[in-house]
Amino acid sequence: MKMKVLTTALFAFIAISAFAQPREVNNAKDEYTKFDGLRSNMALAKPALVNAKTAIDKAAANTKTAALPEMFALKAAIYASLANIDTDPATIQADVATAQDAMTKAQAADTKNENTNMIKHAGIELAQLQLNNGVKAFQAKNYDEAYKAFEAAHKMLPEDTTAMLYAGISASNGKNYPAAIESYKELINSNYGKKTQSYNDLTTLYLYSKDTTAALKTIGEAVAKYPTSTDLRKREIEVSLQAGQSGDLISKIDAAVKADPNNKALYYYEGLTYSQIAEAEGADIKKLQKADIKAAAAKPGVKLAPNPQIAKLQQMRNDNYAKAATQYQKALAIDPNYFEAVLNMGYVTIAPAIDIYNNAQQIPVNQAKAYNDAMAKATAGFDAAKPYVTKAVELNPQSVDALTNLKSYYLGKKDTENANAVQKKIDALPKQ
């Protein structure tokens, strides 16, 4: 009889012991849940996390619960949270290693997907730690380390667009363009909201890498997806000009116009293309003029003839401004209040007048007729621009570009009082 009693007692002890260890898993879960609820007050939350660690360590030490998927998932989450609040680097490193090991084992053991949420939670905790490390490294301008941290966070949370974006920005700042390109390619294929900006940035990264073919392909794809985006259309024009393919771009826009002749934006974009070509020619003119000045300085007292290429470029520039004006006029025929077309129409009309005005100031005083003829031509140009520069300001009084064009008009007309008044309006605008 005694043996029977002892045997019964032994079975009771075994049963109690077996239930005690799952209870530690439950205790760990309860304490960790308490910690999660008190996170906003870490002084109150930390004791619960410490209790959760104690409980999960006991569960991990017992052979009956050491291999439970729930134990691994909880351990991963608890140690990941510890890593986020610990301050000692060595302790943090140990916490992270324990959390990552537990998460790997949880993913392998959880064949029934019963602990998916806790495993995901552990991943978020570890990713947050990497994001924090990345931010610190970025602020210290250690862009390579920042990229590594953000990329590690991204691997833990593949769908997290913040980690993708930060990894791309860090790689770009560190001039690691191949890595930055890969991050932005992922970004444009994700659910990230600012797709047009991402396409723009990716195009820039390809240009930094001197890969104009990929840049053109990327911006072309972007415009096809977002045809109403002004920023992308402008970028396509810029990239096409850099790649020496402005003719192809104009042909493309012409084809689009034939298919949609009432689309004011297409005329605007073609005008903008001609405007950009003219601006590029203007930059070349300035380079040649600087070269002439330098050559003249090297030979004082010797009158050197100006580079004949300058006059040729000036004519080409004016021709392209005229072509741009034709397209802007077509856009305004559809919508007279199309601000961008009004603004640019004013600019392409006033720009040649400014050139004539400035060149007139270089005419010797003994050539009065030449000076007067040039000023009359400049004045006619300023007068032609007036309806557009004034209307642009009416349509958008907060536009710096519109106000600047209006100020140029008044300066060309030698109306200093109004020019100063416009400058005051510019100065009063909110700083960008």
Protein backbone atom coordinates (compact mmCIF):
# COMPACT_ATOMS: atom_id res chain seq x y z
CA MET A 1 0.00 0.00 0.00
CA LYS A 2 2.80 2.40 0.84
CA MET A 3 4.44 1.77 -2.51
CA LYS A 4 1.15 2.55 -4.21
CA VAL A 5 0.85 5.84 -2.33
CA LEU A 6 4.42 6.79 -3.15
CA THR A 7 3.87 6.03 -6.82
CA THR A 8 0.76 8.18 -6.89
CA ALA A 9 2.66 11.01 -5.26
CA LEU A 10 5.46 10.66 -7.77
CA PHE A 11 3.03 10.95 -10.69
CA ALA A 12 1.53 14.02 -9.06
CA PHE A 13 4.97 15.60 -8.76
CA ILE A 14 5.76 14.88 -12.41
CA ALA A 15 2.46 16.39 -13.52
CA ILE A 16 3.01 19.52 -11.44
CA SER A 17 6.54 19.87 -12.79
CA ALA A 18 5.36 19.50 -16.40
CA PHE A 19 2.70 22.18 -15.95
CA ALA A 20 5.08 24.47 -14.11
CA GLN A 21 7.33 24.96 -17.11
CA PRO A 22 4.58 25.89 -19.65
CA ARG A 23 3.46 28.26 -16.94
CA GLU A 24 6.84 30.00 -17.24
CA VAL A 25 6.16 30.50 -20.94
CA ASN A 26 2.77 31.95 -20.01
CA ASN A 27 4.38 34.11 -17.32
CA ALA A 28 6.87 35.40 -19.85
CA LYS A 29 4.04 36.17 -22.26
CA ASP A 30 1.99 37.94 -19.59
CA GLU A 31 4.93 40.03 -18.40
CA TYR A 32 5.93 40.91 -21.95
CA THR A 33 2.38 41.97 -22.75
CA LYS A 34 2.47 44.15 -19.64
CA PHE A 35 5.76 45.66 -20.83
CA ASP A 36 4.28 46.43 -24.25
CA GLY A 37 1.37 48.22 -22.65
CA LEU A 38 3.63 50.37 -20.47
CA ARG A 39 6.25 51.32 -23.09
CA SER A 40 5.38 55.00 -22.89
CA ASN A 41 6.69 54.97 -19.31
CA MET A 42 9.89 52.94 -19.36
CA ALA A 43 10.37 53.27 -15.60
CA LEU A 44 7.19 51.25 -15.12
CA ALA A 45 7.69 49.01 -18.15
CA LYS A 46 11.25 47.82 -17.55
CA PRO A 47 10.53 45.66 -14.46
CA ALA A 48 7.93 43.73 -16.48
CA LEU A 49 10.51 43.13 -19.25
CA VAL A 50 13.04 41.91 -16.67
CA ASN A 51 10.41 39.53 -15.27
CA ALA A 52 9.64 38.34 -18.78
CA LYS A 53 13.34 37.61 -19.34
CA THR A 54 13.58 35.67 -16.08
CA ALA A 55 10.54 33.57 -16.99
CA ILE A 56 11.62 32.86 -20.56
CA ASP A 57 15.14 31.90 -19.43
CA LYS A 58 13.59 29.33 -17.09
CA ALA A 59 11.42 27.99 -19.89
CA ALA A 60 14.44 27.81 -22.22
CA ALA A 61 16.42 25.86 -19.60
CA ASN A 62 13.79 23.16 -19.24
CA THR A 63 13.90 20.31 -21.76
CA LYS A 64 10.10 20.10 -21.91
CA THR A 65 9.65 23.68 -23.13
CA ALA A 66 13.07 24.48 -24.61
CA ALA A 67 12.00 23.56 -28.14
CA LEU A 68 8.49 25.05 -28.15
CA PRO A 69 7.91 27.44 -31.09
CA GLU A 70 6.14 29.85 -28.73
CA MET A 71 9.15 29.85 -26.39
CA PHE A 72 11.51 30.72 -29.25
CA ALA A 73 9.19 33.46 -30.53
CA LEU A 74 8.79 35.02 -27.09
CA LYS A 75 12.51 34.80 -26.39
CA ALA A 76 13.27 36.55 -29.65
CA ALA A 77 10.85 39.37 -28.87
CA ILE A 78 11.95 39.77 -25.24
CA TYR A 79 15.66 39.89 -26.01
CA ALA A 80 15.09 42.21 -28.97
CA SER A 81 13.25 44.59 -26.63
CA LEU A 82 16.08 44.32 -24.10
CA ALA A 83 18.53 45.30 -26.83
CA ASN A 84 16.48 48.42 -27.49
CA ILE A 85 16.62 49.63 -23.89
CA ASP A 86 20.04 48.42 -22.76
CA THR A 87 22.89 50.95 -22.86
CA ASP A 88 26.02 48.80 -22.59
CA PRO A 89 27.29 47.96 -26.12
CA ALA A 90 28.46 44.48 -25.13
CA THR A 91 25.12 43.67 -23.51
CA ILE A 92 23.23 44.99 -26.53
CA GLN A 93 25.36 42.86 -28.85
CA ALA A 94 24.64 39.77 -26.74
CA ASP A 95 20.91 40.56 -26.63
CA VAL A 96 20.78 40.95 -30.40
CA ALA A 97 22.63 37.66 -30.96
CA THR A 98 20.24 35.84 -28.62
CA ALA A 99 17.19 37.44 -30.24
CA GLN A 100 18.34 36.64 -33.78
CA ASP A 101 19.15 33.03 -32.86
CA ALA A 102 15.76 32.58 -31.17
CA MET A 103 13.93 34.15 -34.11
CA THR A 104 15.65 31.84 -36.59
CA LYS A 105 14.68 28.83 -34.48
CA ALA A 106 11.13 30.13 -34.06
CA GLN A 107 10.70 30.49 -37.82
CA ALA A 108 11.92 26.92 -38.33
CA ALA A 109 9.87 25.39 -35.49
CA ASP A 110 6.59 27.24 -36.10
CA THR A 111 5.38 24.92 -38.85
CA LYS A 112 1.71 25.63 -38.02
CA ASN A 113 2.21 29.43 -38.16
CA GLU A 114 0.77 29.81 -34.67
CA ASN A 115 3.36 32.37 -33.57
CA THR A 116 3.60 34.48 -36.71
CA ASN A 117 2.62 37.71 -34.97
CA MET A 118 5.16 37.30 -32.16
CA ILE A 119 7.92 36.44 -34.65
CA LYS A 120 7.00 39.49 -36.70
CA HIS A 121 7.01 41.58 -33.52
CA ALA A 122 10.53 40.37 -32.72
CA GLY A 123 11.61 41.33 -36.25
CA ILE A 124 10.16 44.81 -35.78
CA GLU A 125 12.05 45.20 -32.49
CA LEU A 126 15.33 44.17 -34.11
CA ALA A 127 14.66 46.36 -37.13
CA GLN A 128 13.95 49.33 -34.86
CA LEU A 129 17.32 48.87 -33.20
CA GLN A 130 19.02 48.90 -36.61
CA LEU A 131 17.04 51.97 -37.64
CA ASN A 132 18.20 53.76 -34.49
CA ASN A 133 21.79 52.74 -35.20
CA GLY A 134 21.41 53.97 -38.76
CA VAL A 135 20.09 57.35 -37.69
CA LYS A 136 23.01 57.81 -35.26
CA ALA A 137 25.54 56.86 -37.92
CA PHE A 138 23.88 59.14 -40.49
CA GLN A 139 23.90 62.09 -38.09
CA ALA A 140 27.60 61.44 -37.52
CA LYS A 141 28.02 61.47 -41.34
CA ASN A 142 29.19 57.86 -41.25
CA TYR A 143 27.14 57.02 -44.31
CA ASP A 144 28.59 53.56 -44.96
CA GLU A 145 27.65 52.38 -41.47
CA ALA A 146 24.27 54.07 -41.78
CA TYR A 147 23.61 52.22 -45.02
CA LYS A 148 24.58 48.88 -43.44
CA ALA A 149 22.26 49.48 -40.49
CA PHE A 150 19.30 50.56 -42.63
CA GLU A 151 19.86 47.67 -45.03
CA ALA A 152 19.91 45.26 -42.07
CA ALA A 153 16.60 46.72 -40.92
CA HIS A 154 15.23 46.31 -44.44
CA LYS A 155 16.21 42.64 -44.53
CA MET A 156 14.34 42.06 -41.28
CA LEU A 157 11.29 43.93 -42.59
CA PRO A 158 11.36 43.56 -46.40
CA GLU A 159 8.12 45.52 -46.84
CA ASP A 160 9.22 48.48 -44.71
CA THR A 161 9.69 51.39 -47.12
CA THR A 162 11.29 53.63 -44.48
CA ALA A 163 14.28 51.30 -44.21
CA MET A 164 14.50 51.11 -48.03
CA LEU A 165 14.44 54.87 -48.38
CA TYR A 166 16.97 55.55 -45.63
CA ALA A 167 19.30 52.88 -47.03
CA GLY A 168 19.14 54.54 -50.44
CA ILE A 169 19.74 58.04 -49.06
CA SER A 170 22.69 56.85 -46.95
CA ALA A 171 24.29 54.99 -49.84
CA SER A 172 23.84 58.04 -52.07
CA ASN A 173 25.44 60.34 -49.50
CA GLY A 174 28.33 57.88 -49.23
CA LYS A 175 28.64 57.90 -53.06
CA ASN A 176 27.90 54.18 -53.07
CA TYR A 177 25.74 54.62 -56.16
CA PRO A 178 25.27 50.94 -57.08
CA ALA A 179 23.81 50.24 -53.61
CA ALA A 180 21.70 53.40 -53.72
CA ILE A 181 20.33 52.42 -57.13
CA GLU A 182 19.28 49.00 -55.84
CA SER A 183 17.50 50.59 -52.87
CA TYR A 184 15.59 53.02 -55.08
CA LYS A 185 14.69 50.28 -57.57
CA GLU A 186 13.11 48.38 -54.70
CA LEU A 187 11.39 51.55 -53.57
CA ILE A 188 9.67 52.21 -56.90
CA ASN A 189 8.46 48.59 -56.95
CA SER A 190 7.11 48.81 -53.40
CA ASN A 191 4.00 50.45 -51.94
CA TYR A 192 5.93 53.65 -51.18
CA GLY A 193 3.70 56.67 -51.70
CA LYS A 194 6.14 59.14 -53.29
CA LYS A 195 6.82 57.24 -56.50
CA THR A 196 7.43 60.26 -58.73
CA GLN A 197 10.13 61.57 -56.38
CA SER A 198 11.68 58.10 -56.22
CA TYR A 199 11.84 57.90 -60.02
CA ASN A 200 13.40 61.35 -60.09
CA ASP A 201 16.03 60.36 -57.53
CA LEU A 202 16.78 57.07 -59.29
CA THR A 203 17.31 58.95 -62.55
CA THR A 204 19.76 61.27 -60.78
CA LEU A 205 21.67 58.31 -59.35
CA TYR A 206 22.07 56.83 -62.83
CA LEU A 207 23.41 60.19 -64.05
CA TYR A 208 25.86 60.28 -61.13
CA SER A 209 26.98 56.84 -62.30
CA LYS A 210 27.36 58.23 -65.86
CA ASP A 211 24.76 55.76 -67.11
CA THR A 212 22.65 58.02 -69.32
CA THR A 213 21.04 55.03 -71.05
CA ALA A 214 19.56 53.77 -67.78
CA ALA A 215 18.66 57.34 -66.78
CA LEU A 216 16.70 57.87 -70.01
CA LYS A 217 14.99 54.50 -69.68
CA THR A 218 14.01 55.18 -66.06
CA ILE A 219 12.63 58.66 -66.65
CA GLY A 220 10.81 57.47 -69.77
CA GLU A 221 9.17 54.71 -67.73
CA ALA A 222 8.24 57.24 -65.05
CA VAL A 223 6.61 59.65 -67.52
CA ALA A 224 4.68 56.77 -69.08
CA LYS A 225 3.30 55.82 -65.65
CA TYR A 226 2.67 59.38 -64.46
CA PRO A 227 2.06 61.46 -67.60
CA THR A 228 0.59 64.41 -65.69
CA SER A 229 3.65 64.93 -63.48
CA THR A 230 5.27 68.27 -64.35
CA ASP A 231 8.41 67.40 -62.36
CA LEU A 232 8.95 64.17 -64.27
CA ARG A 233 8.35 65.83 -67.63
CA LYS A 234 10.91 68.51 -66.78
CA ARG A 235 13.36 65.85 -65.67
CA GLU A 236 12.88 63.95 -68.93
CA ILE A 237 13.74 67.12 -70.82
CA GLU A 238 16.86 67.71 -68.72
CA VAL A 239 18.07 64.13 -69.09
CA SER A 240 17.39 64.12 -72.83
CA LEU A 241 19.41 67.32 -73.22
CA GLN A 242 22.29 65.88 -71.18
CA ALA A 243 22.22 62.77 -73.33
CA GLY A 244 22.11 64.85 -76.53
CA GLN A 245 18.70 63.50 -77.46
CA SER A 246 16.54 66.63 -77.48
CA GLY A 247 15.51 65.89 -81.06
CA ASP A 248 14.15 62.50 -80.03
CA LEU A 249 12.24 64.14 -77.20
CA ILE A 250 10.64 66.72 -79.50
CA SER A 251 9.66 63.95 -81.92
CA LYS A 252 8.11 62.03 -79.05
CA ILE A 253 6.10 65.06 -77.92
CA ASP A 254 5.03 65.81 -81.51
CA ALA A 255 3.69 62.28 -81.80
CA ALA A 256 1.81 62.71 -78.52
CA VAL A 257 0.33 66.00 -79.77
CA LYS A 258 -1.00 64.30 -82.91
CA ALA A 259 -2.74 61.74 -80.74
CA ASP A 260 -4.06 64.35 -78.29
CA PRO A 261 -4.13 67.79 -79.99
CA ASN A 262 -6.15 69.44 -77.21
CA ASN A 263 -3.71 68.61 -74.45
CA LYS A 264 -2.30 71.94 -73.32
CA ALA A 265 0.44 70.28 -71.26
CA LEU A 266 2.01 68.68 -74.33
CA TYR A 267 2.45 72.06 -76.01
CA TYR A 268 3.85 73.40 -72.75
CA TYR A 269 6.38 70.56 -72.52
CA GLU A 270 7.50 71.08 -76.10
CA GLY A 271 7.92 74.79 -75.38
CA LEU A 272 9.86 73.90 -72.27
CA THR A 273 12.15 71.65 -74.31
CA TYR A 274 12.99 74.49 -76.71
CA SER A 275 13.46 76.81 -73.71
CA GLN A 276 15.95 74.39 -72.14
CA ILE A 277 17.86 74.09 -75.42
CA ALA A 278 18.07 77.88 -75.55
CA GLU A 279 19.29 78.00 -71.94
CA ALA A 280 22.01 75.45 -72.74
CA GLU A 281 23.10 77.63 -75.68
CA GLY A 282 23.12 80.63 -73.33
CA ALA A 283 25.50 78.76 -71.01
CA ASP A 284 27.81 78.09 -73.97
CA ILE A 285 27.71 81.79 -74.90
CA LYS A 286 28.83 82.78 -71.40
CA LYS A 287 31.75 80.35 -71.56
CA LEU A 288 32.91 81.83 -74.87
CA GLN A 289 32.51 85.39 -73.56
CA LYS A 290 34.61 84.56 -70.51
CA ALA A 291 37.26 83.11 -72.80
CA ASP A 292 37.26 86.33 -74.85
CA ILE A 293 37.67 88.43 -71.70
CA LYS A 294 40.54 86.24 -70.53
CA ALA A 295 42.23 86.48 -73.94
CA ALA A 296 41.84 90.27 -73.97
CA ALA A 297 43.35 90.53 -70.48
CA ALA A 298 46.35 88.54 -71.64
CA LYS A 299 46.99 91.06 -74.46
CA PRO A 300 46.37 94.56 -73.05
CA GLY A 301 46.15 97.28 -75.67
CA VAL A 302 45.35 94.79 -78.45
CA LYS A 303 41.77 94.85 -79.72
CA LEU A 304 40.65 91.28 -80.31
CA ALA A 305 37.67 90.34 -82.44
CA PRO A 306 34.92 88.52 -80.53
CA ASN A 307 34.55 84.83 -81.16
CA PRO A 308 32.23 84.53 -84.21
CA GLN A 309 30.65 81.48 -82.61
CA ILE A 310 29.03 83.78 -80.04
CA ALA A 311 26.87 85.55 -82.62
CA LYS A 312 25.90 82.22 -84.12
CA LEU A 313 24.90 80.82 -80.76
CA GLN A 314 22.96 83.97 -79.90
CA GLN A 315 20.94 83.59 -83.08
CA MET A 316 20.31 79.91 -82.36
CA ARG A 317 19.27 80.80 -78.84
CA ASN A 318 16.80 83.43 -80.04
CA ASP A 319 15.42 81.01 -82.63
CA ASN A 320 14.78 78.40 -79.95
CA TYR A 321 13.14 80.98 -77.70
CA ALA A 322 10.86 81.83 -80.63
CA LYS A 323 10.02 78.14 -81.15
CA ALA A 324 9.29 77.86 -77.44
CA ALA A 325 7.02 80.92 -77.60
CA THR A 326 5.07 79.31 -80.46
CA GLN A 327 4.35 76.24 -78.35
CA TYR A 328 3.45 78.26 -75.24
CA GLN A 329 1.02 80.27 -77.35
CA LYS A 330 -0.66 77.04 -78.46
CA ALA A 331 -1.04 76.00 -74.83
CA LEU A 332 -2.50 79.42 -73.96
CA ALA A 333 -4.96 79.19 -76.84
CA ILE A 334 -6.44 76.20 -75.01
CA ASP A 335 -6.17 77.71 -71.51
CA PRO A 336 -5.37 81.46 -71.29
CA ASN A 337 -4.83 81.12 -67.52
CA TYR A 338 -2.33 78.26 -67.71
CA PHE A 339 0.16 79.72 -65.23
CA GLU A 340 3.27 77.78 -66.26
CA ALA A 341 2.74 78.68 -69.93
CA VAL A 342 2.09 82.35 -69.09
CA LEU A 343 5.20 82.45 -66.88
CA ASN A 344 7.48 80.87 -69.47
CA MET A 345 6.00 82.89 -72.31
CA GLY A 346 7.00 86.00 -70.41
CA TYR A 347 10.50 84.66 -69.86
CA VAL A 348 11.24 83.61 -73.45
CA THR A 349 9.97 86.98 -74.64
CA ILE A 350 11.92 89.07 -72.17
CA ALA A 351 15.20 87.09 -72.26
CA PRO A 352 16.27 88.23 -75.77
CA ALA A 353 15.31 91.80 -74.85
CA ILE A 354 17.58 91.61 -71.80
CA ASP A 355 20.46 90.39 -74.00
CA ILE A 356 19.94 93.27 -76.45
CA TYR A 357 19.74 95.76 -73.56
CA ASN A 358 22.96 94.46 -71.95
CA ASN A 359 24.83 94.41 -75.27
CA ALA A 360 23.70 97.98 -75.96
CA GLN A 361 25.49 99.12 -72.81
CA GLN A 362 28.78 98.01 -74.38
CA ILE A 363 28.33 100.16 -77.49
CA PRO A 364 30.86 103.05 -77.55
CA VAL A 365 29.41 106.51 -76.79
CA ASN A 366 30.39 107.77 -80.24
CA GLN A 367 27.97 105.31 -81.85
CA ALA A 368 24.75 106.93 -80.73
CA LYS A 369 22.65 105.65 -83.62
CA ALA A 370 23.66 102.03 -83.01
CA TYR A 371 22.91 102.46 -79.32
CA ASN A 372 19.51 104.04 -79.93
CA ASP A 373 18.56 101.36 -82.45
CA ALA A 374 19.52 98.60 -80.01
CA MET A 375 17.61 100.21 -77.13
CA ALA A 376 14.55 100.66 -79.33
CA LYS A 377 14.67 96.98 -80.19
CA ALA A 378 15.13 96.06 -76.51
CA THR A 379 12.22 98.29 -75.50
CA ALA A 380 9.98 96.60 -78.08
CA GLY A 381 10.94 93.26 -76.56
CA PHE A 382 10.15 94.42 -73.03
CA ASP A 383 6.80 95.82 -74.18
CA ALA A 384 5.96 92.50 -75.88
CA ALA A 385 6.73 90.67 -72.63
CA LYS A 386 4.66 92.98 -70.40
CA PRO A 387 1.25 91.27 -70.81
CA TYR A 388 2.75 87.93 -69.80
CA VAL A 389 4.97 89.02 -66.92
CA THR A 390 2.15 91.03 -65.35
CA LYS A 391 -0.44 88.29 -65.82
CA ALA A 392 1.87 85.67 -64.31
CA VAL A 393 2.04 87.73 -61.11
CA GLU A 394 -1.74 88.15 -61.14
CA LEU A 395 -2.19 84.39 -61.45
CA ASN A 396 0.37 83.59 -58.74
CA PRO A 397 1.47 86.55 -56.60
CA GLN A 398 3.65 84.24 -54.48
CA SER A 399 5.82 83.03 -57.36
CA VAL A 400 9.43 84.19 -57.09
CA ASP A 401 9.96 83.46 -60.79
CA ALA A 402 6.95 85.54 -61.82
CA LEU A 403 8.01 88.46 -59.64
CA THR A 404 11.60 88.23 -60.88
CA ASN A 405 10.43 88.47 -64.50
CA LEU A 406 8.30 91.49 -63.62
CA LYS A 407 11.27 93.14 -61.90
CA SER A 408 13.39 92.51 -65.02
CA TYR A 409 10.71 94.19 -67.10
CA TYR A 410 10.76 97.32 -64.93
CA LEU A 411 14.56 97.43 -64.95
CA GLY A 412 14.51 97.15 -68.74
CA LYS A 413 12.09 100.05 -68.86
CA LYS A 414 14.34 101.96 -66.43
CA ASP A 415 11.47 102.14 -63.92
CA THR A 416 13.56 101.87 -60.76
CA GLU A 417 10.70 102.74 -58.41
CA ASN A 418 8.53 99.82 -59.52
CA ALA A 419 11.52 97.48 -59.76
CA ASN A 420 12.33 98.23 -56.10
CA ALA A 421 8.68 97.74 -55.13
CA VAL A 422 8.69 94.28 -56.73
CA GLN A 423 11.94 93.41 -54.96
CA LYS A 424 10.27 94.22 -51.63
CA LYS A 425 7.52 91.75 -52.50
CA ILE A 426 10.14 89.12 -53.27
CA ASP A 427 11.89 89.78 -49.96
CA ALA A 428 8.59 89.48 -48.10
CA LEU A 429 7.85 86.01 -49.45
CA PRO A 430 8.24 83.06 -47.03
CA LYS A 431 11.71 81.53 -47.26
CA GLN A 432 11.74 78.18 -49.02
